[in-house]
Amino acid sequence: METIINTPGKISGKTMAGIIIVIIGGLLLIDQLDLFFVPNWLLSWPMAIIAYGLYMGAKYNFKKPVYIWLLVIGTAFLLTDNIDNADRMVWPIAIIGTGAWMVMKHTKHDEAHAQDASYKEI
């Protein structure tokens, strides 16, 4: 007999997907019934990318960086679609941020290897 024990405070990927689907369905229903004003950007394809990024983050407990990429790309497209001339600033900032993140990541990685090498020599 198999026992399933859930870790307290941990949301599974299926639970997060269900929450996202319920929220999307609720927003679509509210939009159709005209109960409240739902902005157009809230039901756009960049928001779908952002929602998928949140799902992927929850699925892997926000340990794998794939969700960050989806959130950044979705946010960049969301800003360029909804703000006039935002593409002049958003994409260069995104490229600079990506480059800075890559440099910082490799710098930390190289420092860790240098410290490990010094301990091994002793």
PDB file of N, CA and C in Angstrom:
ATOM      1  N   MET A   1       0.835  -1.171   0.000  1.00  0.00           N
ATOM      2  CA  MET A   1       0.000   0.000   0.000  1.00  0.00           C
ATOM      3  C   MET A   1       0.885   1.242   0.000  1.00  0.00           C
ATOM      4  N   GLU A   2       0.533   2.199  -0.828  1.00  0.00           N
ATOM      5  CA  GLU A   2       1.349   3.395  -0.988  1.00  0.00           C
ATOM      6  C   GLU A   2       0.721   4.558  -0.233  1.00  0.00           C
ATOM      7  N   THR A   3       1.540   5.251   0.523  1.00  0.00           N
ATOM      8  CA  THR A   3       1.075   6.406   1.273  1.00  0.00           C
ATOM      9  C   THR A   3       1.664   7.662   0.639  1.00  0.00           C
ATOM     10  N   ILE A   4       0.812   8.631   0.405  1.00  0.00           N
ATOM     11  CA  ILE A   4       1.267   9.889  -0.164  1.00  0.00           C
ATOM     12  C   ILE A   4       1.256  10.930   0.945  1.00  0.00           C
ATOM     13  N   ILE A   5       2.429  11.490   1.193  1.00  0.00           N
ATOM     14  CA  ILE A   5       2.555  12.508   2.228  1.00  0.00           C
ATOM     15  C   ILE A   5       2.958  13.807   1.545  1.00  0.00           C
ATOM     16  N   ASN A   6       2.165  14.829   1.715  1.00  0.00           N
ATOM     17  CA  ASN A   6       2.481  16.140   1.160  1.00  0.00           C
ATOM     18  C   ASN A   6       3.277  16.941   2.169  1.00  0.00           C
ATOM     19  N   THR A   7       4.294  17.621   1.669  1.00  0.00           N
ATOM     20  CA  THR A   7       5.093  18.480   2.513  1.00  0.00           C
ATOM     21  C   THR A   7       4.315  19.760   2.782  1.00  0.00           C
ATOM     22  N   PRO A   8       4.172  20.163   4.044  1.00  0.00           N
ATOM     23  CA  PRO A   8       3.432  21.401   4.334  1.00  0.00           C
ATOM     24  C   PRO A   8       4.107  22.612   3.690  1.00  0.00           C
ATOM     25  N   GLY A   9       3.314  23.484   3.123  1.00  0.00           N
ATOM     26  CA  GLY A   9       3.848  24.700   2.525  1.00  0.00           C
ATOM     27  C   GLY A   9       4.319  24.521   1.093  1.00  0.00           C
ATOM     28  N   LYS A  10       4.289  23.311   0.577  1.00  0.00           N
ATOM     29  CA  LYS A  10       4.744  23.056  -0.788  1.00  0.00           C
ATOM     30  C   LYS A  10       3.530  22.901  -1.684  1.00  0.00           C
ATOM     31  N   ILE A  11       3.496  23.679  -2.764  1.00  0.00           N
ATOM     32  CA  ILE A  11       2.406  23.589  -3.728  1.00  0.00           C
ATOM     33  C   ILE A  11       2.900  22.773  -4.905  1.00  0.00           C
ATOM     34  N   SER A  12       2.170  21.713  -5.244  1.00  0.00           N
ATOM     35  CA  SER A  12       2.580  20.879  -6.359  1.00  0.00           C
ATOM     36  C   SER A  12       2.275  21.580  -7.675  1.00  0.00           C
ATOM     37  N   GLY A  13       2.901  21.090  -8.737  1.00  0.00           N
ATOM     38  CA  GLY A  13       2.695  21.662 -10.064  1.00  0.00           C
ATOM     39  C   GLY A  13       1.255  21.534 -10.524  1.00  0.00           C
ATOM     40  N   LYS A  14       0.620  20.394 -10.213  1.00  0.00           N
ATOM     41  CA  LYS A  14      -0.770  20.197 -10.610  1.00  0.00           C
ATOM     42  C   LYS A  14      -1.698  21.157  -9.876  1.00  0.00           C
ATOM     43  N   THR A  15      -1.410  21.405  -8.613  1.00  0.00           N
ATOM     44  CA  THR A  15      -2.219  22.339  -7.841  1.00  0.00           C
ATOM     45  C   THR A  15      -2.083  23.749  -8.405  1.00  0.00           C
ATOM     46  N   MET A  16      -0.852  24.141  -8.730  1.00  0.00           N
ATOM     47  CA  MET A  16      -0.615  25.469  -9.293  1.00  0.00           C
ATOM     48  C   MET A  16      -1.291  25.605 -10.649  1.00  0.00           C
ATOM     49  N   ALA A  17      -1.231  24.560 -11.474  1.00  0.00           N
ATOM     50  CA  ALA A  17      -1.903  24.595 -12.778  1.00  0.00           C
ATOM     51  C   ALA A  17      -3.407  24.740 -12.589  1.00  0.00           C
ATOM     52  N   GLY A  18      -3.970  24.037 -11.620  1.00  0.00           N
ATOM     53  CA  GLY A  18      -5.397  24.152 -11.341  1.00  0.00           C
ATOM     54  C   GLY A  18      -5.778  25.546 -10.889  1.00  0.00           C
ATOM     55  N   ILE A  19      -4.953  26.151 -10.039  1.00  0.00           N
ATOM     56  CA  ILE A  19      -5.212  27.512  -9.567  1.00  0.00           C
ATOM     57  C   ILE A  19      -5.193  28.492 -10.733  1.00  0.00           C
ATOM     58  N   ILE A  20      -4.193  28.362 -11.619  1.00  0.00           N
ATOM     59  CA  ILE A  20      -4.086  29.246 -12.769  1.00  0.00           C
ATOM     60  C   ILE A  20      -5.288  29.083 -13.690  1.00  0.00           C
ATOM     61  N   ILE A  21      -5.714  27.850 -13.926  1.00  0.00           N
ATOM     62  CA  ILE A  21      -6.870  27.608 -14.795  1.00  0.00           C
ATOM     63  C   ILE A  21      -8.145  28.193 -14.187  1.00  0.00           C
ATOM     64  N   VAL A  22      -8.324  28.046 -12.882  1.00  0.00           N
ATOM     65  CA  VAL A  22      -9.504  28.614 -12.217  1.00  0.00           C
ATOM     66  C   VAL A  22      -9.493  30.138 -12.326  1.00  0.00           C
ATOM     67  N   ILE A  23      -8.343  30.759 -12.123  1.00  0.00           N
ATOM     68  CA  ILE A  23      -8.244  32.218 -12.229  1.00  0.00           C
ATOM     69  C   ILE A  23      -8.553  32.678 -13.648  1.00  0.00           C
ATOM     70  N   ILE A  24      -7.981  32.004 -14.643  1.00  0.00           N
ATOM     71  CA  ILE A  24      -8.245  32.375 -16.043  1.00  0.00           C
ATOM     72  C   ILE A  24      -9.724  32.202 -16.370  1.00  0.00           C
ATOM     73  N   GLY A  25     -10.310  31.096 -15.953  1.00  0.00           N
ATOM     74  CA  GLY A  25     -11.735  30.871 -16.187  1.00  0.00           C
ATOM     75  C   GLY A  25     -12.597  31.913 -15.512  1.00  0.00           C
ATOM     76  N   GLY A  26     -12.245  32.278 -14.287  1.00  0.00           N
ATOM     77  CA  GLY A  26     -12.987  33.312 -13.563  1.00  0.00           C
ATOM     78  C   GLY A  26     -12.905  34.662 -14.260  1.00  0.00           C
ATOM     79  N   LEU A  27     -11.700  35.011 -14.746  1.00  0.00           N
ATOM     80  CA  LEU A  27     -11.545  36.274 -15.465  1.00  0.00           C
ATOM     81  C   LEU A  27     -12.352  36.278 -16.764  1.00  0.00           C
ATOM     82  N   LEU A  28     -12.331  35.153 -17.482  1.00  0.00           N
ATOM     83  CA  LEU A  28     -13.120  35.070 -18.715  1.00  0.00           C
ATOM     84  C   LEU A  28     -14.615  35.185 -18.430  1.00  0.00           C
ATOM     85  N   LEU A  29     -15.083  34.561 -17.362  1.00  0.00           N
ATOM     86  CA  LEU A  29     -16.491  34.648 -16.988  1.00  0.00           C
ATOM     87  C   LEU A  29     -16.876  36.072 -16.601  1.00  0.00           C
ATOM     88  N   ILE A  30     -16.051  36.731 -15.809  1.00  0.00           N
ATOM     89  CA  ILE A  30     -16.309  38.116 -15.417  1.00  0.00           C
ATOM     90  C   ILE A  30     -16.339  39.021 -16.644  1.00  0.00           C
ATOM     91  N   ASP A  31     -15.418  38.759 -17.598  1.00  0.00           N
ATOM     92  CA  ASP A  31     -15.372  39.558 -18.818  1.00  0.00           C
ATOM     93  C   ASP A  31     -16.645  39.367 -19.638  1.00  0.00           C
ATOM     94  N   GLN A  32     -17.153  38.144 -19.727  1.00  0.00           N
ATOM     95  CA  GLN A  32     -18.354  37.868 -20.507  1.00  0.00           C
ATOM     96  C   GLN A  32     -19.614  38.425 -19.848  1.00  0.00           C
ATOM     97  N   LEU A  33     -19.672  38.414 -18.542  1.00  0.00           N
ATOM     98  CA  LEU A  33     -20.851  38.892 -17.826  1.00  0.00           C
ATOM     99  C   LEU A  33     -20.830  40.396 -17.587  1.00  0.00           C
ATOM    100  N   ASP A  34     -19.737  41.049 -17.918  1.00  0.00           N
ATOM    101  CA  ASP A  34     -19.566  42.491 -17.716  1.00  0.00           C
ATOM    102  C   ASP A  34     -19.830  42.903 -16.267  1.00  0.00           C
ATOM    103  N   LEU A  35     -19.428  42.040 -15.325  1.00  0.00           N
ATOM    104  CA  LEU A  35     -19.588  42.379 -13.911  1.00  0.00           C
ATOM    105  C   LEU A  35     -18.602  43.455 -13.480  1.00  0.00           C
ATOM    106  N   PHE A  36     -17.388  43.310 -13.902  1.00  0.00           N
ATOM    107  CA  PHE A  36     -16.340  44.270 -13.608  1.00  0.00           C
ATOM    108  C   PHE A  36     -15.577  44.525 -14.891  1.00  0.00           C
ATOM    109  N   PHE A  37     -14.850  45.613 -14.905  1.00  0.00           N
ATOM    110  CA  PHE A  37     -14.012  45.914 -16.058  1.00  0.00           C
ATOM    111  C   PHE A  37     -12.723  45.093 -15.966  1.00  0.00           C
ATOM    112  N   VAL A  38     -12.472  44.297 -16.985  1.00  0.00           N
ATOM    113  CA  VAL A  38     -11.242  43.515 -17.055  1.00  0.00           C
ATOM    114  C   VAL A  38     -10.372  44.131 -18.151  1.00  0.00           C
ATOM    115  N   PRO A  39      -9.180  44.627 -17.797  1.00  0.00           N
ATOM    116  CA  PRO A  39      -8.319  45.247 -18.819  1.00  0.00           C
ATOM    117  C   PRO A  39      -7.931  44.246 -19.906  1.00  0.00           C
ATOM    118  N   ASN A  40      -7.737  44.741 -21.111  1.00  0.00           N
ATOM    119  CA  ASN A  40      -7.380  43.879 -22.241  1.00  0.00           C
ATOM    120  C   ASN A  40      -6.038  43.183 -22.037  1.00  0.00           C
ATOM    121  N   TRP A  41      -5.111  43.860 -21.381  1.00  0.00           N
ATOM    122  CA  TRP A  41      -3.792  43.269 -21.200  1.00  0.00           C
ATOM    123  C   TRP A  41      -3.821  42.058 -20.275  1.00  0.00           C
ATOM    124  N   LEU A  42      -4.844  41.979 -19.420  1.00  0.00           N
ATOM    125  CA  LEU A  42      -4.928  40.878 -18.469  1.00  0.00           C
ATOM    126  C   LEU A  42      -5.251  39.552 -19.154  1.00  0.00           C
ATOM    127  N   LEU A  43      -5.909  39.620 -20.299  1.00  0.00           N
ATOM    128  CA  LEU A  43      -6.257  38.407 -21.047  1.00  0.00           C
ATOM    129  C   LEU A  43      -5.499  38.345 -22.369  1.00  0.00           C
ATOM    130  N   SER A  44      -4.233  38.725 -22.352  1.00  0.00           N
ATOM    131  CA  SER A  44      -3.416  38.741 -23.562  1.00  0.00           C
ATOM    132  C   SER A  44      -2.421  37.585 -23.559  1.00  0.00           C
ATOM    133  N   TRP A  45      -1.785  37.363 -24.704  1.00  0.00           N
ATOM    134  CA  TRP A  45      -0.830  36.255 -24.810  1.00  0.00           C
ATOM    135  C   TRP A  45       0.429  36.478 -23.964  1.00  0.00           C
ATOM    136  N   PRO A  46       0.926  37.721 -23.746  1.00  0.00           N
ATOM    137  CA  PRO A  46       2.064  37.853 -22.829  1.00  0.00           C
ATOM    138  C   PRO A  46       1.725  37.420 -21.401  1.00  0.00           C
ATOM    139  N   MET A  47       0.472  37.634 -20.989  1.00  0.00           N
ATOM    140  CA  MET A  47       0.075  37.181 -19.653  1.00  0.00           C
ATOM    141  C   MET A  47       0.028  35.656 -19.589  1.00  0.00           C
ATOM    142  N   ALA A  48      -0.264  35.011 -20.717  1.00  0.00           N
ATOM    143  CA  ALA A  48      -0.225  33.550 -20.752  1.00  0.00           C
ATOM    144  C   ALA A  48       1.210  33.053 -20.537  1.00  0.00           C
ATOM    145  N   ILE A  49       2.186  33.755 -21.121  1.00  0.00           N
ATOM    146  CA  ILE A  49       3.595  33.390 -20.920  1.00  0.00           C
ATOM    147  C   ILE A  49       3.980  33.597 -19.452  1.00  0.00           C
ATOM    148  N   ILE A  50       3.537  34.693 -18.864  1.00  0.00           N
ATOM    149  CA  ILE A  50       3.833  34.970 -17.457  1.00  0.00           C
ATOM    150  C   ILE A  50       3.187  33.909 -16.563  1.00  0.00           C
ATOM    151  N   ALA A  51       1.942  33.540 -16.861  1.00  0.00           N
ATOM    152  CA  ALA A  51       1.257  32.509 -16.072  1.00  0.00           C
ATOM    153  C   ALA A  51       1.983  31.172 -16.193  1.00  0.00           C
ATOM    154  N   TYR A  52       2.445  30.837 -17.399  1.00  0.00           N
ATOM    155  CA  TYR A  52       3.187  29.594 -17.589  1.00  0.00           C
ATOM    156  C   TYR A  52       4.516  29.643 -16.827  1.00  0.00           C
ATOM    157  N   GLY A  53       5.149  30.814 -16.783  1.00  0.00           N
ATOM    158  CA  GLY A  53       6.381  30.967 -16.006  1.00  0.00           C
ATOM    159  C   GLY A  53       6.148  30.745 -14.525  1.00  0.00           C
ATOM    160  N   LEU A  54       5.034  31.270 -14.012  1.00  0.00           N
ATOM    161  CA  LEU A  54       4.700  31.034 -12.607  1.00  0.00           C
ATOM    162  C   LEU A  54       4.407  29.562 -12.342  1.00  0.00           C
ATOM    163  N   TYR A  55       3.747  28.921 -13.302  1.00  0.00           N
ATOM    164  CA  TYR A  55       3.473  27.481 -13.169  1.00  0.00           C
ATOM    165  C   TYR A  55       4.782  26.695 -13.123  1.00  0.00           C
ATOM    166  N   MET A  56       5.702  27.000 -14.043  1.00  0.00           N
ATOM    167  CA  MET A  56       6.984  26.289 -14.071  1.00  0.00           C
ATOM    168  C   MET A  56       7.784  26.550 -12.799  1.00  0.00           C
ATOM    169  N   GLY A  57       7.725  27.767 -12.284  1.00  0.00           N
ATOM    170  CA  GLY A  57       8.415  28.077 -11.036  1.00  0.00           C
ATOM    171  C   GLY A  57       7.859  27.271  -9.877  1.00  0.00           C
ATOM    172  N   ALA A  58       6.535  27.198  -9.790  1.00  0.00           N
ATOM    173  CA  ALA A  58       5.915  26.432  -8.707  1.00  0.00           C
ATOM    174  C   ALA A  58       6.185  24.941  -8.867  1.00  0.00           C
ATOM    175  N   LYS A  59       6.239  24.484 -10.093  1.00  0.00           N
ATOM    176  CA  LYS A  59       6.463  23.059 -10.345  1.00  0.00           C
ATOM    177  C   LYS A  59       7.825  22.614  -9.814  1.00  0.00           C
ATOM    178  N   TYR A  60       8.832  23.473  -9.973  1.00  0.00           N
ATOM    179  CA  TYR A  60      10.183  23.127  -9.528  1.00  0.00           C
ATOM    180  C   TYR A  60      10.588  23.902  -8.274  1.00  0.00           C
ATOM    181  N   ASN A  61       9.602  24.383  -7.504  1.00  0.00           N
ATOM    182  CA  ASN A  61       9.851  25.116  -6.259  1.00  0.00           C
ATOM    183  C   ASN A  61      10.772  26.319  -6.461  1.00  0.00           C
ATOM    184  N   PHE A  62      10.675  26.940  -7.605  1.00  0.00           N
ATOM    185  CA  PHE A  62      11.430  28.141  -7.956  1.00  0.00           C
ATOM    186  C   PHE A  62      12.943  27.932  -7.838  1.00  0.00           C
ATOM    187  N   LYS A  63      13.402  26.703  -8.116  1.00  0.00           N
ATOM    188  CA  LYS A  63      14.833  26.403  -8.057  1.00  0.00           C
ATOM    189  C   LYS A  63      15.480  26.427  -9.436  1.00  0.00           C
ATOM    190  N   LYS A  64      14.730  26.107 -10.485  1.00  0.00           N
ATOM    191  CA  LYS A  64      15.270  26.139 -11.839  1.00  0.00           C
ATOM    192  C   LYS A  64      14.970  27.499 -12.461  1.00  0.00           C
ATOM    193  N   PRO A  65      15.945  28.082 -13.169  1.00  0.00           N
ATOM    194  CA  PRO A  65      15.765  29.453 -13.657  1.00  0.00           C
ATOM    195  C   PRO A  65      14.859  29.597 -14.884  1.00  0.00           C
ATOM    196  N   VAL A  66      14.254  28.541 -15.362  1.00  0.00           N
ATOM    197  CA  VAL A  66      13.425  28.649 -16.559  1.00  0.00           C
ATOM    198  C   VAL A  66      12.249  29.582 -16.331  1.00  0.00           C
ATOM    199  N   TYR A  67      11.720  29.636 -15.128  1.00  0.00           N
ATOM    200  CA  TYR A  67      10.577  30.504 -14.860  1.00  0.00           C
ATOM    201  C   TYR A  67      10.980  31.977 -14.961  1.00  0.00           C
ATOM    202  N   ILE A  68      12.207  32.304 -14.601  1.00  0.00           N
ATOM    203  CA  ILE A  68      12.677  33.687 -14.683  1.00  0.00           C
ATOM    204  C   ILE A  68      12.667  34.161 -16.123  1.00  0.00           C
ATOM    205  N   TRP A  69      13.155  33.304 -17.023  1.00  0.00           N
ATOM    206  CA  TRP A  69      13.187  33.664 -18.445  1.00  0.00           C
ATOM    207  C   TRP A  69      11.779  33.903 -18.974  1.00  0.00           C
ATOM    208  N   LEU A  70      10.846  33.044 -18.618  1.00  0.00           N
ATOM    209  CA  LEU A  70       9.468  33.207 -19.078  1.00  0.00           C
ATOM    210  C   LEU A  70       8.844  34.479 -18.514  1.00  0.00           C
ATOM    211  N   LEU A  71       9.097  34.768 -17.254  1.00  0.00           N
ATOM    212  CA  LEU A  71       8.559  35.989 -16.658  1.00  0.00           C
ATOM    213  C   LEU A  71       9.144  37.241 -17.316  1.00  0.00           C
ATOM    214  N   VAL A  72      10.434  37.234 -17.570  1.00  0.00           N
ATOM    215  CA  VAL A  72      11.085  38.399 -18.187  1.00  0.00           C
ATOM    216  C   VAL A  72      10.572  38.603 -19.614  1.00  0.00           C
ATOM    217  N   ILE A  73      10.511  37.522 -20.385  1.00  0.00           N
ATOM    218  CA  ILE A  73      10.041  37.641 -21.774  1.00  0.00           C
ATOM    219  C   ILE A  73       8.573  38.065 -21.806  1.00  0.00           C
ATOM    220  N   GLY A  74       7.737  37.465 -20.986  1.00  0.00           N
ATOM    221  CA  GLY A  74       6.327  37.841 -20.936  1.00  0.00           C
ATOM    222  C   GLY A  74       6.139  39.286 -20.520  1.00  0.00           C
ATOM    223  N   THR A  75       6.893  39.728 -19.517  1.00  0.00           N
ATOM    224  CA  THR A  75       6.793  41.118 -19.062  1.00  0.00           C
ATOM    225  C   THR A  75       7.271  42.082 -20.140  1.00  0.00           C
ATOM    226  N   ALA A  76       8.356  41.730 -20.831  1.00  0.00           N
ATOM    227  CA  ALA A  76       8.864  42.600 -21.903  1.00  0.00           C
ATOM    228  C   ALA A  76       7.829  42.745 -23.013  1.00  0.00           C
ATOM    229  N   PHE A  77       7.232  41.638 -23.447  1.00  0.00           N
ATOM    230  CA  PHE A  77       6.207  41.722 -24.479  1.00  0.00           C
ATOM    231  C   PHE A  77       4.970  42.472 -23.979  1.00  0.00           C
ATOM    232  N   LEU A  78       4.612  42.277 -22.735  1.00  0.00           N
ATOM    233  CA  LEU A  78       3.450  42.970 -22.164  1.00  0.00           C
ATOM    234  C   LEU A  78       3.679  44.482 -22.154  1.00  0.00           C
ATOM    235  N   LEU A  79       4.860  44.898 -21.772  1.00  0.00           N
ATOM    236  CA  LEU A  79       5.173  46.331 -21.754  1.00  0.00           C
ATOM    237  C   LEU A  79       5.213  46.920 -23.159  1.00  0.00           C
ATOM    238  N   THR A  80       5.830  46.210 -24.103  1.00  0.00           N
ATOM    239  CA  THR A  80       5.924  46.751 -25.463  1.00  0.00           C
ATOM    240  C   THR A  80       4.573  46.780 -26.161  1.00  0.00           C
ATOM    241  N   ASP A  81       3.663  45.887 -25.809  1.00  0.00           N
ATOM    242  CA  ASP A  81       2.331  45.893 -26.415  1.00  0.00           C
ATOM    243  C   ASP A  81       1.436  46.992 -25.854  1.00  0.00           C
ATOM    244  N   ASN A  82       1.643  47.401 -24.612  1.00  0.00           N
ATOM    245  CA  ASN A  82       0.709  48.297 -23.945  1.00  0.00           C
ATOM    246  C   ASN A  82       1.222  49.709 -23.688  1.00  0.00           C
ATOM    247  N   ILE A  83       2.492  49.955 -23.872  1.00  0.00           N
ATOM    248  CA  ILE A  83       3.055  51.286 -23.645  1.00  0.00           C
ATOM    249  C   ILE A  83       3.680  51.765 -24.949  1.00  0.00           C
ATOM    250  N   ASP A  84       3.307  52.962 -25.377  1.00  0.00           N
ATOM    251  CA  ASP A  84       3.844  53.520 -26.613  1.00  0.00           C
ATOM    252  C   ASP A  84       5.353  53.710 -26.506  1.00  0.00           C
ATOM    253  N   ASN A  85       6.056  53.299 -27.548  1.00  0.00           N
ATOM    254  CA  ASN A  85       7.516  53.425 -27.670  1.00  0.00           C
ATOM    255  C   ASN A  85       8.286  52.734 -26.543  1.00  0.00           C
ATOM    256  N   ALA A  86       7.678  51.792 -25.877  1.00  0.00           N
ATOM    257  CA  ALA A  86       8.379  51.086 -24.803  1.00  0.00           C
ATOM    258  C   ALA A  86       9.456  50.168 -25.360  1.00  0.00           C
ATOM    259  N   ASP A  87       9.287  49.719 -26.622  1.00  0.00           N
ATOM    260  CA  ASP A  87      10.280  48.801 -27.186  1.00  0.00           C
ATOM    261  C   ASP A  87      11.649  49.456 -27.333  1.00  0.00           C
ATOM    262  N   ARG A  88      11.690  50.780 -27.363  1.00  0.00           N
ATOM    263  CA  ARG A  88      12.967  51.483 -27.447  1.00  0.00           C
ATOM    264  C   ARG A  88      13.777  51.300 -26.167  1.00  0.00           C
ATOM    265  N   MET A  89      13.108  51.080 -25.037  1.00  0.00           N
ATOM    266  CA  MET A  89      13.799  50.945 -23.753  1.00  0.00           C
ATOM    267  C   MET A  89      13.802  49.521 -23.221  1.00  0.00           C
ATOM    268  N   VAL A  90      12.717  48.780 -23.433  1.00  0.00           N
ATOM    269  CA  VAL A  90      12.555  47.465 -22.807  1.00  0.00           C
ATOM    270  C   VAL A  90      13.588  46.472 -23.320  1.00  0.00           C
ATOM    271  N   TRP A  91      13.732  46.363 -24.625  1.00  0.00           N
ATOM    272  CA  TRP A  91      14.634  45.337 -25.162  1.00  0.00           C
ATOM    273  C   TRP A  91      16.105  45.612 -24.862  1.00  0.00           C
ATOM    274  N   PRO A  92      16.601  46.863 -24.991  1.00  0.00           N
ATOM    275  CA  PRO A  92      17.995  47.083 -24.564  1.00  0.00           C
ATOM    276  C   PRO A  92      18.226  46.788 -23.078  1.00  0.00           C
ATOM    277  N   ILE A  93      17.255  47.166 -22.228  1.00  0.00           N
ATOM    278  CA  ILE A  93      17.393  46.872 -20.800  1.00  0.00           C
ATOM    279  C   ILE A  93      17.387  45.363 -20.563  1.00  0.00           C
ATOM    280  N   ALA A  94      16.542  44.638 -21.284  1.00  0.00           N
ATOM    281  CA  ALA A  94      16.496  43.183 -21.139  1.00  0.00           C
ATOM    282  C   ALA A  94      17.817  42.548 -21.576  1.00  0.00           C
ATOM    283  N   ILE A  95      18.391  43.041 -22.647  1.00  0.00           N
ATOM    284  CA  ILE A  95      19.673  42.494 -23.134  1.00  0.00           C
ATOM    285  C   ILE A  95      20.794  42.812 -22.145  1.00  0.00           C
ATOM    286  N   ILE A  96      20.836  44.047 -21.633  1.00  0.00           N
ATOM    287  CA  ILE A  96      21.851  44.419 -20.643  1.00  0.00           C
ATOM    288  C   ILE A  96      21.691  43.583 -19.378  1.00  0.00           C
ATOM    289  N   GLY A  97      20.448  43.401 -18.928  1.00  0.00           N
ATOM    290  CA  GLY A  97      20.198  42.592 -17.734  1.00  0.00           C
ATOM    291  C   GLY A  97      20.620  41.150 -17.919  1.00  0.00           C
ATOM    292  N   THR A  98      20.351  40.583 -19.098  1.00  0.00           N
ATOM    293  CA  THR A  98      20.763  39.207 -19.379  1.00  0.00           C
ATOM    294  C   THR A  98      22.278  39.072 -19.361  1.00  0.00           C
ATOM    295  N   GLY A  99      22.960  40.017 -19.990  1.00  0.00           N
ATOM    296  CA  GLY A  99      24.421  39.988 -19.996  1.00  0.00           C
ATOM    297  C   GLY A  99      25.002  40.128 -18.595  1.00  0.00           C
ATOM    298  N   ALA A 100      24.444  41.039 -17.799  1.00  0.00           N
ATOM    299  CA  ALA A 100      24.923  41.226 -16.430  1.00  0.00           C
ATOM    300  C   ALA A 100      24.684  39.974 -15.593  1.00  0.00           C
ATOM    301  N   TRP A 101      23.524  39.349 -15.785  1.00  0.00           N
ATOM    302  CA  TRP A 101      23.224  38.117 -15.041  1.00  0.00           C
ATOM    303  C   TRP A 101      24.211  37.016 -15.410  1.00  0.00           C
ATOM    304  N   MET A 102      24.546  36.908 -16.706  1.00  0.00           N
ATOM    305  CA  MET A 102      25.480  35.871 -17.136  1.00  0.00           C
ATOM    306  C   MET A 102      26.877  36.125 -16.565  1.00  0.00           C
ATOM    307  N   VAL A 103      27.310  37.373 -16.545  1.00  0.00           N
ATOM    308  CA  VAL A 103      28.627  37.710 -15.994  1.00  0.00           C
ATOM    309  C   VAL A 103      28.670  37.407 -14.500  1.00  0.00           C
ATOM    310  N   MET A 104      27.634  37.815 -13.781  1.00  0.00           N
ATOM    311  CA  MET A 104      27.603  37.582 -12.334  1.00  0.00           C
ATOM    312  C   MET A 104      27.541  36.090 -12.010  1.00  0.00           C
ATOM    313  N   LYS A 105      26.800  35.345 -12.803  1.00  0.00           N
ATOM    314  CA  LYS A 105      26.688  33.905 -12.573  1.00  0.00           C
ATOM    315  C   LYS A 105      28.040  33.227 -12.763  1.00  0.00           C
ATOM    316  N   HIS A 106      28.743  33.587 -13.825  1.00  0.00           N
ATOM    317  CA  HIS A 106      30.042  32.960 -14.082  1.00  0.00           C
ATOM    318  C   HIS A 106      31.102  33.436 -13.101  1.00  0.00           C
ATOM    319  N   THR A 107      30.994  34.659 -12.621  1.00  0.00           N
ATOM    320  CA  THR A 107      31.952  35.156 -11.637  1.00  0.00           C
ATOM    321  C   THR A 107      31.820  34.379 -10.336  1.00  0.00           C
ATOM    322  N   LYS A 108      30.597  34.153  -9.878  1.00  0.00           N
ATOM    323  CA  LYS A 108      30.381  33.374  -8.655  1.00  0.00           C
ATOM    324  C   LYS A 108      30.872  31.945  -8.838  1.00  0.00           C
ATOM    325  N   HIS A 109      30.641  31.381 -10.021  1.00  0.00           N
ATOM    326  CA  HIS A 109      31.049  30.009 -10.317  1.00  0.00           C
ATOM    327  C   HIS A 109      32.577  29.897 -10.298  1.00  0.00           C
ATOM    328  N   ASP A 110      33.279  30.876 -10.908  1.00  0.00           N
ATOM    329  CA  ASP A 110      34.742  30.852 -10.940  1.00  0.00           C
ATOM    330  C   ASP A 110      35.331  31.038  -9.543  1.00  0.00           C
ATOM    331  N   GLU A 111      34.722  31.911  -8.710  1.00  0.00           N
ATOM    332  CA  GLU A 111      35.216  32.114  -7.349  1.00  0.00           C
ATOM    333  C   GLU A 111      35.057  30.845  -6.513  1.00  0.00           C
ATOM    334  N   ALA A 112      33.976  30.130  -6.712  1.00  0.00           N
ATOM    335  CA  ALA A 112      33.754  28.888  -5.968  1.00  0.00           C
ATOM    336  C   ALA A 112      34.803  27.846  -6.343  1.00  0.00           C
ATOM    337  N   HIS A 113      35.133  27.766  -7.646  1.00  0.00           N
ATOM    338  CA  HIS A 113      36.157  26.810  -8.069  1.00  0.00           C
ATOM    339  C   HIS A 113      37.531  27.201  -7.539  1.00  0.00           C
ATOM    340  N   ALA A 114      37.815  28.503  -7.460  1.00  0.00           N
ATOM    341  CA  ALA A 114      39.105  28.951  -6.940  1.00  0.00           C
ATOM    342  C   ALA A 114      39.227  28.594  -5.460  1.00  0.00           C
ATOM    343  N   GLN A 115      38.164  28.736  -4.700  1.00  0.00           N
ATOM    344  CA  GLN A 115      38.195  28.389  -3.274  1.00  0.00           C
ATOM    345  C   GLN A 115      38.323  26.881  -3.104  1.00  0.00           C
ATOM    346  N   ASP A 116      37.640  26.089  -3.929  1.00  0.00           N
ATOM    347  CA  ASP A 116      37.746  24.644  -3.839  1.00  0.00           C
ATOM    348  C   ASP A 116      39.154  24.170  -4.175  1.00  0.00           C
ATOM    349  N   ALA A 117      39.787  24.801  -5.165  1.00  0.00           N
ATOM    350  CA  ALA A 117      41.131  24.415  -5.557  1.00  0.00           C
ATOM    351  C   ALA A 117      42.133  24.719  -4.440  1.00  0.00           C
ATOM    352  N   SER A 118      41.949  25.836  -3.747  1.00  0.00           N
ATOM    353  CA  SER A 118      42.893  26.186  -2.681  1.00  0.00           C
ATOM    354  C   SER A 118      42.778  25.227  -1.515  1.00  0.00           C
ATOM    355  N   TYR A 119      41.598  24.724  -1.245  1.00  0.00           N
ATOM    356  CA  TYR A 119      41.438  23.752  -0.167  1.00  0.00           C
ATOM    357  C   TYR A 119      42.024  22.406  -0.533  1.00  0.00           C
ATOM    358  N   LYS A 120      41.974  22.030  -1.782  1.00  0.00           N
ATOM    359  CA  LYS A 120      42.483  20.736  -2.217  1.00  0.00           C
ATOM    360  C   LYS A 120      44.000  20.697  -2.202  1.00  0.00           C
ATOM    361  N   GLU A 121      44.667  21.846  -2.372  1.00  0.00           N
ATOM    362  CA  GLU A 121      46.126  21.866  -2.424  1.00  0.00           C
ATOM    363  C   GLU A 121      46.733  21.658  -1.045  1.00  0.00           C
ATOM    364  N   ILE A 122      46.044  22.001  -0.010  1.00  0.00           N
ATOM    365  CA  ILE A 122      46.612  21.906   1.346  1.00  0.00           C
ATOM    366  C   ILE A 122      46.691  20.521   1.806  1.00  0.00           C
TER     367      ILE A 122
END
